[in-house]
Amino acid sequence: MPLVEFDTGETTLSFAAHELGDSHFPGGHVDAHSSTQPLGMEIALVTSDVAKAHRTAIAHGARELTAPSTKPWGQVVSYMRAPDGCLIELCTPVEG
């Protein structure tokens, strides 16, 4: 059972328990959260309200790396680690 889900349109993003991950693979899985540094890959999610999505993720166990901030090009971006250690970027669309 997922710990939290986000409506991302046609795709649902879930933070699942490690026990669920272990149940999918006979040899278990690597706990990315055991690394003190963020992984060298990320999941980037585009949203019109980064601050709200950021608060929701933190309230459900994500760990803040950077609070929402506006980049020089106008995009609002925040970074966090999901409870499993996955690096997540939340961002507004890039205006172009």
PDB file of N, CA and C in Angstrom:
ATOM      1  N   MET A   1       0.843  -1.176   0.000  1.00  0.00           N
ATOM      2  CA  MET A   1       0.000   0.000   0.000  1.00  0.00           C
ATOM      3  C   MET A   1       0.888   1.240   0.000  1.00  0.00           C
ATOM      4  N   PRO A   2       0.682   2.187  -0.902  1.00  0.00           N
ATOM      5  CA  PRO A   2       1.494   3.396  -0.941  1.00  0.00           C
ATOM      6  C   PRO A   2       1.335   4.224   0.331  1.00  0.00           C
ATOM      7  N   LEU A   3       2.397   4.912   0.719  1.00  0.00           N
ATOM      8  CA  LEU A   3       2.344   5.816   1.857  1.00  0.00           C
ATOM      9  C   LEU A   3       1.689   7.138   1.481  1.00  0.00           C
ATOM     10  N   VAL A   4       1.881   7.584   0.257  1.00  0.00           N
ATOM     11  CA  VAL A   4       1.262   8.814  -0.241  1.00  0.00           C
ATOM     12  C   VAL A   4       1.230   8.730  -1.755  1.00  0.00           C
ATOM     13  N   GLU A   5       0.224   9.325  -2.362  1.00  0.00           N
ATOM     14  CA  GLU A   5       0.119   9.371  -3.816  1.00  0.00           C
ATOM     15  C   GLU A   5      -0.104  10.806  -4.252  1.00  0.00           C
ATOM     16  N   PHE A   6       0.412  11.158  -5.422  1.00  0.00           N
ATOM     17  CA  PHE A   6       0.229  12.473  -6.006  1.00  0.00           C
ATOM     18  C   PHE A   6      -0.484  12.311  -7.337  1.00  0.00           C
ATOM     19  N   ASP A   7      -1.474  13.131  -7.577  1.00  0.00           N
ATOM     20  CA  ASP A   7      -2.168  13.129  -8.854  1.00  0.00           C
ATOM     21  C   ASP A   7      -1.295  13.884  -9.843  1.00  0.00           C
ATOM     22  N   THR A   8      -0.759  13.181 -10.802  1.00  0.00           N
ATOM     23  CA  THR A   8       0.120  13.791 -11.795  1.00  0.00           C
ATOM     24  C   THR A   8      -0.504  13.679 -13.187  1.00  0.00           C
ATOM     25  N   GLY A   9      -1.835  13.769 -13.202  1.00  0.00           N
ATOM     26  CA  GLY A   9      -2.534  13.618 -14.475  1.00  0.00           C
ATOM     27  C   GLY A   9      -2.843  12.154 -14.691  1.00  0.00           C
ATOM     28  N   GLU A  10      -2.373  11.608 -15.794  1.00  0.00           N
ATOM     29  CA  GLU A  10      -2.643  10.205 -16.105  1.00  0.00           C
ATOM     30  C   GLU A  10      -1.720   9.249 -15.355  1.00  0.00           C
ATOM     31  N   THR A  11      -0.710   9.775 -14.677  1.00  0.00           N
ATOM     32  CA  THR A  11       0.245   8.953 -13.949  1.00  0.00           C
ATOM     33  C   THR A  11       0.149   9.249 -12.462  1.00  0.00           C
ATOM     34  N   THR A  12       0.156   8.204 -11.631  1.00  0.00           N
ATOM     35  CA  THR A  12       0.159   8.381 -10.187  1.00  0.00           C
ATOM     36  C   THR A  12       1.550   8.078  -9.664  1.00  0.00           C
ATOM     37  N   LEU A  13       2.102   8.999  -8.875  1.00  0.00           N
ATOM     38  CA  LEU A  13       3.390   8.793  -8.229  1.00  0.00           C
ATOM     39  C   LEU A  13       3.113   8.401  -6.792  1.00  0.00           C
ATOM     40  N   SER A  14       3.699   7.285  -6.352  1.00  0.00           N
ATOM     41  CA  SER A  14       3.489   6.799  -4.992  1.00  0.00           C
ATOM     42  C   SER A  14       4.813   6.635  -4.273  1.00  0.00           C
ATOM     43  N   PHE A  15       4.818   6.914  -2.968  1.00  0.00           N
ATOM     44  CA  PHE A  15       5.916   6.534  -2.095  1.00  0.00           C
ATOM     45  C   PHE A  15       5.475   5.213  -1.476  1.00  0.00           C
ATOM     46  N   ALA A  16       6.131   4.133  -1.817  1.00  0.00           N
ATOM     47  CA  ALA A  16       5.738   2.816  -1.311  1.00  0.00           C
ATOM     48  C   ALA A  16       6.667   2.392  -0.177  1.00  0.00           C
ATOM     49  N   ALA A  17       6.170   1.522   0.676  1.00  0.00           N
ATOM     50  CA  ALA A  17       6.961   0.986   1.779  1.00  0.00           C
ATOM     51  C   ALA A  17       8.054   0.066   1.242  1.00  0.00           C
ATOM     52  N   HIS A  18       9.180  -0.007   1.942  1.00  0.00           N
ATOM     53  CA  HIS A  18      10.274  -0.880   1.516  1.00  0.00           C
ATOM     54  C   HIS A  18       9.828  -2.338   1.465  1.00  0.00           C
ATOM     55  N   GLU A  19       8.927  -2.713   2.340  1.00  0.00           N
ATOM     56  CA  GLU A  19       8.426  -4.086   2.327  1.00  0.00           C
ATOM     57  C   GLU A  19       7.758  -4.410   0.988  1.00  0.00           C
ATOM     58  N   LEU A  20       7.059  -3.439   0.406  1.00  0.00           N
ATOM     59  CA  LEU A  20       6.444  -3.648  -0.900  1.00  0.00           C
ATOM     60  C   LEU A  20       7.526  -3.844  -1.956  1.00  0.00           C
ATOM     61  N   GLY A  21       8.574  -3.014  -1.906  1.00  0.00           N
ATOM     62  CA  GLY A  21       9.686  -3.177  -2.845  1.00  0.00           C
ATOM     63  C   GLY A  21      10.318  -4.547  -2.734  1.00  0.00           C
ATOM     64  N   ASP A  22      10.536  -4.997  -1.500  1.00  0.00           N
ATOM     65  CA  ASP A  22      11.124  -6.331  -1.294  1.00  0.00           C
ATOM     66  C   ASP A  22      10.237  -7.429  -1.859  1.00  0.00           C
ATOM     67  N   SER A  23       8.918  -7.242  -1.781  1.00  0.00           N
ATOM     68  CA  SER A  23       8.003  -8.272  -2.260  1.00  0.00           C
ATOM     69  C   SER A  23       8.019  -8.413  -3.780  1.00  0.00           C
ATOM     70  N   HIS A  24       8.499  -7.396  -4.486  1.00  0.00           N
ATOM     71  CA  HIS A  24       8.549  -7.444  -5.956  1.00  0.00           C
ATOM     72  C   HIS A  24       9.782  -8.172  -6.488  1.00  0.00           C
ATOM     73  N   PHE A  25      10.836  -8.250  -5.675  1.00  0.00           N
ATOM     74  CA  PHE A  25      12.104  -8.806  -6.147  1.00  0.00           C
ATOM     75  C   PHE A  25      12.613  -9.855  -5.167  1.00  0.00           C
ATOM     76  N   PRO A  26      12.841 -11.087  -5.636  1.00  0.00           N
ATOM     77  CA  PRO A  26      13.261 -12.168  -4.738  1.00  0.00           C
ATOM     78  C   PRO A  26      14.513 -11.846  -3.925  1.00  0.00           C
ATOM     79  N   GLY A  27      15.434 -11.067  -4.496  1.00  0.00           N
ATOM     80  CA  GLY A  27      16.674 -10.720  -3.789  1.00  0.00           C
ATOM     81  C   GLY A  27      16.591  -9.416  -3.019  1.00  0.00           C
ATOM     82  N   GLY A  28      15.390  -8.850  -2.894  1.00  0.00           N
ATOM     83  CA  GLY A  28      15.238  -7.561  -2.224  1.00  0.00           C
ATOM     84  C   GLY A  28      15.593  -6.414  -3.158  1.00  0.00           C
ATOM     85  N   HIS A  29      15.846  -5.274  -2.597  1.00  0.00           N
ATOM     86  CA  HIS A  29      16.206  -4.090  -3.376  1.00  0.00           C
ATOM     87  C   HIS A  29      17.222  -3.258  -2.605  1.00  0.00           C
ATOM     88  N   VAL A  30      17.846  -2.295  -3.255  1.00  0.00           N
ATOM     89  CA  VAL A  30      18.817  -1.409  -2.622  1.00  0.00           C
ATOM     90  C   VAL A  30      18.051  -0.276  -1.944  1.00  0.00           C
ATOM     91  N   ASP A  31      18.350  -0.029  -0.686  1.00  0.00           N
ATOM     92  CA  ASP A  31      17.737   1.084   0.035  1.00  0.00           C
ATOM     93  C   ASP A  31      18.492   2.367  -0.305  1.00  0.00           C
ATOM     94  N   ALA A  32      17.973   3.149  -1.227  1.00  0.00           N
ATOM     95  CA  ALA A  32      18.641   4.379  -1.652  1.00  0.00           C
ATOM     96  C   ALA A  32      18.761   5.375  -0.507  1.00  0.00           C
ATOM     97  N   HIS A  33      17.872   5.284   0.485  1.00  0.00           N
ATOM     98  CA  HIS A  33      17.914   6.234   1.599  1.00  0.00           C
ATOM     99  C   HIS A  33      19.139   6.040   2.486  1.00  0.00           C
ATOM    100  N   SER A  34      19.854   4.942   2.334  1.00  0.00           N
ATOM    101  CA  SER A  34      21.039   4.713   3.163  1.00  0.00           C
ATOM    102  C   SER A  34      22.221   5.589   2.732  1.00  0.00           C
ATOM    103  N   SER A  35      22.153   6.171   1.542  1.00  0.00           N
ATOM    104  CA  SER A  35      23.193   7.077   1.062  1.00  0.00           C
ATOM    105  C   SER A  35      22.987   8.464   1.664  1.00  0.00           C
ATOM    106  N   THR A  36      24.065   9.068   2.177  1.00  0.00           N
ATOM    107  CA  THR A  36      23.938  10.415   2.736  1.00  0.00           C
ATOM    108  C   THR A  36      23.809  11.477   1.649  1.00  0.00           C
ATOM    109  N   GLN A  37      24.291  11.189   0.465  1.00  0.00           N
ATOM    110  CA  GLN A  37      24.193  12.117  -0.669  1.00  0.00           C
ATOM    111  C   GLN A  37      23.021  11.720  -1.555  1.00  0.00           C
ATOM    112  N   PRO A  38      22.361  12.703  -2.201  1.00  0.00           N
ATOM    113  CA  PRO A  38      21.296  12.356  -3.160  1.00  0.00           C
ATOM    114  C   PRO A  38      21.849  11.511  -4.297  1.00  0.00           C
ATOM    115  N   LEU A  39      20.989  10.698  -4.866  1.00  0.00           N
ATOM    116  CA  LEU A  39      21.381   9.862  -5.993  1.00  0.00           C
ATOM    117  C   LEU A  39      21.696  10.722  -7.214  1.00  0.00           C
ATOM    118  N   GLY A  40      22.382  10.144  -8.185  1.00  0.00           N
ATOM    119  CA  GLY A  40      22.758  10.860  -9.394  1.00  0.00           C
ATOM    120  C   GLY A  40      21.681  10.857 -10.457  1.00  0.00           C
ATOM    121  N   MET A  41      20.429  10.680 -10.043  1.00  0.00           N
ATOM    122  CA  MET A  41      19.289  10.764 -10.956  1.00  0.00           C
ATOM    123  C   MET A  41      18.119  11.328 -10.167  1.00  0.00           C
ATOM    124  N   GLU A  42      17.128  11.834 -10.875  1.00  0.00           N
ATOM    125  CA  GLU A  42      15.987  12.426 -10.188  1.00  0.00           C
ATOM    126  C   GLU A  42      14.700  12.143 -10.934  1.00  0.00           C
ATOM    127  N   ILE A  43      13.629  12.299 -10.217  1.00  0.00           N
ATOM    128  CA  ILE A  43      12.302  12.341 -10.816  1.00  0.00           C
ATOM    129  C   ILE A  43      11.903  13.809 -10.782  1.00  0.00           C
ATOM    130  N   ALA A  44      11.580  14.389 -11.925  1.00  0.00           N
ATOM    131  CA  ALA A  44      11.150  15.783 -11.987  1.00  0.00           C
ATOM    132  C   ALA A  44       9.655  15.822 -12.280  1.00  0.00           C
ATOM    133  N   LEU A  45       8.922  16.554 -11.465  1.00  0.00           N
ATOM    134  CA  LEU A  45       7.483  16.681 -11.630  1.00  0.00           C
ATOM    135  C   LEU A  45       7.129  18.147 -11.835  1.00  0.00           C
ATOM    136  N   VAL A  46       6.377  18.419 -12.871  1.00  0.00           N
ATOM    137  CA  VAL A  46       5.962  19.788 -13.187  1.00  0.00           C
ATOM    138  C   VAL A  46       4.595  20.026 -12.553  1.00  0.00           C
ATOM    139  N   THR A  47       4.475  21.140 -11.844  1.00  0.00           N
ATOM    140  CA  THR A  47       3.233  21.514 -11.179  1.00  0.00           C
ATOM    141  C   THR A  47       3.094  23.028 -11.187  1.00  0.00           C
ATOM    142  N   SER A  48       1.873  23.500 -11.157  1.00  0.00           N
ATOM    143  CA  SER A  48       1.655  24.953 -11.114  1.00  0.00           C
ATOM    144  C   SER A  48       1.825  25.498  -9.703  1.00  0.00           C
ATOM    145  N   ASP A  49       1.822  24.628  -8.671  1.00  0.00           N
ATOM    146  CA  ASP A  49       1.946  25.070  -7.281  1.00  0.00           C
ATOM    147  C   ASP A  49       3.018  24.242  -6.573  1.00  0.00           C
ATOM    148  N   VAL A  50       4.269  24.630  -6.780  1.00  0.00           N
ATOM    149  CA  VAL A  50       5.396  23.916  -6.195  1.00  0.00           C
ATOM    150  C   VAL A  50       5.322  23.939  -4.673  1.00  0.00           C
ATOM    151  N   ALA A  51       5.002  25.087  -4.093  1.00  0.00           N
ATOM    152  CA  ALA A  51       4.973  25.198  -2.631  1.00  0.00           C
ATOM    153  C   ALA A  51       3.979  24.217  -2.010  1.00  0.00           C
ATOM    154  N   LYS A  52       2.799  24.104  -2.587  1.00  0.00           N
ATOM    155  CA  LYS A  52       1.786  23.186  -2.053  1.00  0.00           C
ATOM    156  C   LYS A  52       2.235  21.733  -2.191  1.00  0.00           C
ATOM    157  N   ALA A  53       2.740  21.350  -3.359  1.00  0.00           N
ATOM    158  CA  ALA A  53       3.213  19.979  -3.566  1.00  0.00           C
ATOM    159  C   ALA A  53       4.386  19.673  -2.642  1.00  0.00           C
ATOM    160  N   HIS A  54       5.253  20.647  -2.438  1.00  0.00           N
ATOM    161  CA  HIS A  54       6.411  20.504  -1.556  1.00  0.00           C
ATOM    162  C   HIS A  54       5.950  20.243  -0.119  1.00  0.00           C
ATOM    163  N   ARG A  55       5.011  21.053   0.370  1.00  0.00           N
ATOM    164  CA  ARG A  55       4.473  20.871   1.727  1.00  0.00           C
ATOM    165  C   ARG A  55       3.830  19.495   1.884  1.00  0.00           C
ATOM    166  N   THR A  56       3.070  19.067   0.885  1.00  0.00           N
ATOM    167  CA  THR A  56       2.404  17.765   0.943  1.00  0.00           C
ATOM    168  C   THR A  56       3.427  16.637   1.029  1.00  0.00           C
ATOM    169  N   ALA A  57       4.457  16.706   0.208  1.00  0.00           N
ATOM    170  CA  ALA A  57       5.486  15.663   0.217  1.00  0.00           C
ATOM    171  C   ALA A  57       6.218  15.626   1.559  1.00  0.00           C
ATOM    172  N   ILE A  58       6.563  16.781   2.107  1.00  0.00           N
ATOM    173  CA  ILE A  58       7.252  16.853   3.398  1.00  0.00           C
ATOM    174  C   ILE A  58       6.352  16.284   4.497  1.00  0.00           C
ATOM    175  N   ALA A  59       5.077  16.612   4.448  1.00  0.00           N
ATOM    176  CA  ALA A  59       4.130  16.123   5.456  1.00  0.00           C
ATOM    177  C   ALA A  59       3.990  14.599   5.420  1.00  0.00           C
ATOM    178  N   HIS A  60       4.333  13.995   4.283  1.00  0.00           N
ATOM    179  CA  HIS A  60       4.206  12.543   4.134  1.00  0.00           C
ATOM    180  C   HIS A  60       5.554  11.836   4.128  1.00  0.00           C
ATOM    181  N   GLY A  61       6.569  12.482   4.648  1.00  0.00           N
ATOM    182  CA  GLY A  61       7.833  11.786   4.874  1.00  0.00           C
ATOM    183  C   GLY A  61       8.997  12.138   3.986  1.00  0.00           C
ATOM    184  N   ALA A  62       8.801  12.988   2.976  1.00  0.00           N
ATOM    185  CA  ALA A  62       9.945  13.402   2.161  1.00  0.00           C
ATOM    186  C   ALA A  62      10.833  14.325   3.003  1.00  0.00           C
ATOM    187  N   ARG A  63      12.115  14.379   2.679  1.00  0.00           N
ATOM    188  CA  ARG A  63      13.060  15.240   3.402  1.00  0.00           C
ATOM    189  C   ARG A  63      13.493  16.383   2.487  1.00  0.00           C
ATOM    190  N   GLU A  64      13.297  17.599   2.954  1.00  0.00           N
ATOM    191  CA  GLU A  64      13.630  18.784   2.156  1.00  0.00           C
ATOM    192  C   GLU A  64      15.138  18.906   1.952  1.00  0.00           C
ATOM    193  N   LEU A  65      15.522  19.139   0.704  1.00  0.00           N
ATOM    194  CA  LEU A  65      16.903  19.477   0.374  1.00  0.00           C
ATOM    195  C   LEU A  65      17.016  20.965   0.082  1.00  0.00           C
ATOM    196  N   THR A  66      16.090  21.487  -0.726  1.00  0.00           N
ATOM    197  CA  THR A  66      16.007  22.937  -0.953  1.00  0.00           C
ATOM    198  C   THR A  66      14.539  23.332  -0.978  1.00  0.00           C
ATOM    199  N   ALA A  67      14.229  24.411  -0.291  1.00  0.00           N
ATOM    200  CA  ALA A  67      12.867  24.935  -0.275  1.00  0.00           C
ATOM    201  C   ALA A  67      12.533  25.511  -1.647  1.00  0.00           C
ATOM    202  N   PRO A  68      11.251  25.670  -1.947  1.00  0.00           N
ATOM    203  CA  PRO A  68      10.890  26.286  -3.234  1.00  0.00           C
ATOM    204  C   PRO A  68      11.542  27.663  -3.387  1.00  0.00           C
ATOM    205  N   SER A  69      12.138  27.879  -4.535  1.00  0.00           N
ATOM    206  CA  SER A  69      12.750  29.179  -4.827  1.00  0.00           C
ATOM    207  C   SER A  69      12.593  29.471  -6.312  1.00  0.00           C
ATOM    208  N   THR A  70      12.619  30.750  -6.631  1.00  0.00           N
ATOM    209  CA  THR A  70      12.469  31.184  -8.018  1.00  0.00           C
ATOM    210  C   THR A  70      13.840  31.326  -8.654  1.00  0.00           C
ATOM    211  N   LYS A  71      14.041  30.621  -9.745  1.00  0.00           N
ATOM    212  CA  LYS A  71      15.300  30.683 -10.485  1.00  0.00           C
ATOM    213  C   LYS A  71      15.351  31.971 -11.309  1.00  0.00           C
ATOM    214  N   PRO A  72      16.540  32.394 -11.745  1.00  0.00           N
ATOM    215  CA  PRO A  72      16.660  33.632 -12.520  1.00  0.00           C
ATOM    216  C   PRO A  72      15.793  33.657 -13.786  1.00  0.00           C
ATOM    217  N   TRP A  73      15.473  32.490 -14.350  1.00  0.00           N
ATOM    218  CA  TRP A  73      14.663  32.425 -15.570  1.00  0.00           C
ATOM    219  C   TRP A  73      13.166  32.384 -15.258  1.00  0.00           C
ATOM    220  N   GLY A  74      12.805  32.473 -13.945  1.00  0.00           N
ATOM    221  CA  GLY A  74      11.404  32.573 -13.554  1.00  0.00           C
ATOM    222  C   GLY A  74      10.748  31.280 -13.090  1.00  0.00           C
ATOM    223  N   GLN A  75      11.408  30.176 -13.240  1.00  0.00           N
ATOM    224  CA  GLN A  75      10.850  28.881 -12.837  1.00  0.00           C
ATOM    225  C   GLN A  75      10.991  28.701 -11.321  1.00  0.00           C
ATOM    226  N   VAL A  76       9.936  28.184 -10.679  1.00  0.00           N
ATOM    227  CA  VAL A  76       9.992  27.862  -9.254  1.00  0.00           C
ATOM    228  C   VAL A  76      10.387  26.391  -9.132  1.00  0.00           C
ATOM    229  N   VAL A  77      11.389  26.111  -8.276  1.00  0.00           N
ATOM    230  CA  VAL A  77      11.953  24.766  -8.163  1.00  0.00           C
ATOM    231  C   VAL A  77      12.210  24.440  -6.691  1.00  0.00           C
ATOM    232  N   SER A  78      11.978  23.187  -6.313  1.00  0.00           N
ATOM    233  CA  SER A  78      12.403  22.692  -5.000  1.00  0.00           C
ATOM    234  C   SER A  78      12.935  21.274  -5.180  1.00  0.00           C
ATOM    235  N   TYR A  79      13.745  20.839  -4.226  1.00  0.00           N
ATOM    236  CA  TYR A  79      14.290  19.484  -4.245  1.00  0.00           C
ATOM    237  C   TYR A  79      14.056  18.830  -2.898  1.00  0.00           C
ATOM    238  N   MET A  80      13.805  17.512  -2.958  1.00  0.00           N
ATOM    239  CA  MET A  80      13.613  16.727  -1.742  1.00  0.00           C
ATOM    240  C   MET A  80      14.039  15.299  -2.014  1.00  0.00           C
ATOM    241  N   ARG A  81      14.156  14.554  -0.932  1.00  0.00           N
ATOM    242  CA  ARG A  81      14.365  13.110  -1.056  1.00  0.00           C
ATOM    243  C   ARG A  81      13.126  12.421  -0.534  1.00  0.00           C
ATOM    244  N   ALA A  82      12.606  11.498  -1.323  1.00  0.00           N
ATOM    245  CA  ALA A  82      11.468  10.684  -0.898  1.00  0.00           C
ATOM    246  C   ALA A  82      11.921   9.806   0.264  1.00  0.00           C
ATOM    247  N   PRO A  83      10.979   9.247   1.013  1.00  0.00           N
ATOM    248  CA  PRO A  83      11.378   8.379   2.127  1.00  0.00           C
ATOM    249  C   PRO A  83      12.314   7.241   1.709  1.00  0.00           C
ATOM    250  N   ASP A  84      12.232   6.797   0.461  1.00  0.00           N
ATOM    251  CA  ASP A  84      13.123   5.729   0.002  1.00  0.00           C
ATOM    252  C   ASP A  84      14.475   6.255  -0.460  1.00  0.00           C
ATOM    253  N   GLY A  85      14.672   7.580  -0.454  1.00  0.00           N
ATOM    254  CA  GLY A  85      15.949   8.175  -0.835  1.00  0.00           C
ATOM    255  C   GLY A  85      15.990   8.731  -2.236  1.00  0.00           C
ATOM    256  N   CYS A  86      14.964   8.513  -3.037  1.00  0.00           N
ATOM    257  CA  CYS A  86      14.931   9.001  -4.415  1.00  0.00           C
ATOM    258  C   CYS A  86      14.926  10.529  -4.433  1.00  0.00           C
ATOM    259  N   LEU A  87      15.719  11.123  -5.307  1.00  0.00           N
ATOM    260  CA  LEU A  87      15.772  12.571  -5.462  1.00  0.00           C
ATOM    261  C   LEU A  87      14.598  13.038  -6.318  1.00  0.00           C
ATOM    262  N   ILE A  88      13.841  14.006  -5.817  1.00  0.00           N
ATOM    263  CA  ILE A  88      12.676  14.532  -6.529  1.00  0.00           C
ATOM    264  C   ILE A  88      12.802  16.033  -6.698  1.00  0.00           C
ATOM    265  N   GLU A  89      12.605  16.482  -7.919  1.00  0.00           N
ATOM    266  CA  GLU A  89      12.524  17.912  -8.222  1.00  0.00           C
ATOM    267  C   GLU A  89      11.061  18.236  -8.488  1.00  0.00           C
ATOM    268  N   LEU A  90      10.569  19.276  -7.842  1.00  0.00           N
ATOM    269  CA  LEU A  90       9.261  19.832  -8.156  1.00  0.00           C
ATOM    270  C   LEU A  90       9.510  21.160  -8.843  1.00  0.00           C
ATOM    271  N   CYS A  91       8.816  21.419  -9.950  1.00  0.00           N
ATOM    272  CA  CYS A  91       9.078  22.644 -10.688  1.00  0.00           C
ATOM    273  C   CYS A  91       7.851  23.112 -11.452  1.00  0.00           C
ATOM    274  N   THR A  92       7.802  24.414 -11.664  1.00  0.00           N
ATOM    275  CA  THR A  92       6.761  24.972 -12.524  1.00  0.00           C
ATOM    276  C   THR A  92       7.206  24.785 -13.960  1.00  0.00           C
ATOM    277  N   PRO A  93       6.253  24.888 -14.909  1.00  0.00           N
ATOM    278  CA  PRO A  93       6.645  24.777 -16.315  1.00  0.00           C
ATOM    279  C   PRO A  93       7.644  25.877 -16.687  1.00  0.00           C
ATOM    280  N   VAL A  94       8.519  25.556 -17.608  1.00  0.00           N
ATOM    281  CA  VAL A  94       9.458  26.556 -18.127  1.00  0.00           C
ATOM    282  C   VAL A  94       8.709  27.349 -19.179  1.00  0.00           C
ATOM    283  N   GLU A  95       8.621  28.640 -18.975  1.00  0.00           N
ATOM    284  CA  GLU A  95       7.945  29.509 -19.949  1.00  0.00           C
ATOM    285  C   GLU A  95       8.853  29.698 -21.142  1.00  0.00           C
ATOM    286  N   GLY A  96       8.356  29.510 -22.292  1.00  0.00           N
ATOM    287  CA  GLY A  96       9.267  29.629 -23.417  1.00  0.00           C
ATOM    288  C   GLY A  96       8.586  30.106 -24.592  1.00  0.00           C
TER     289      GLY A  96
END
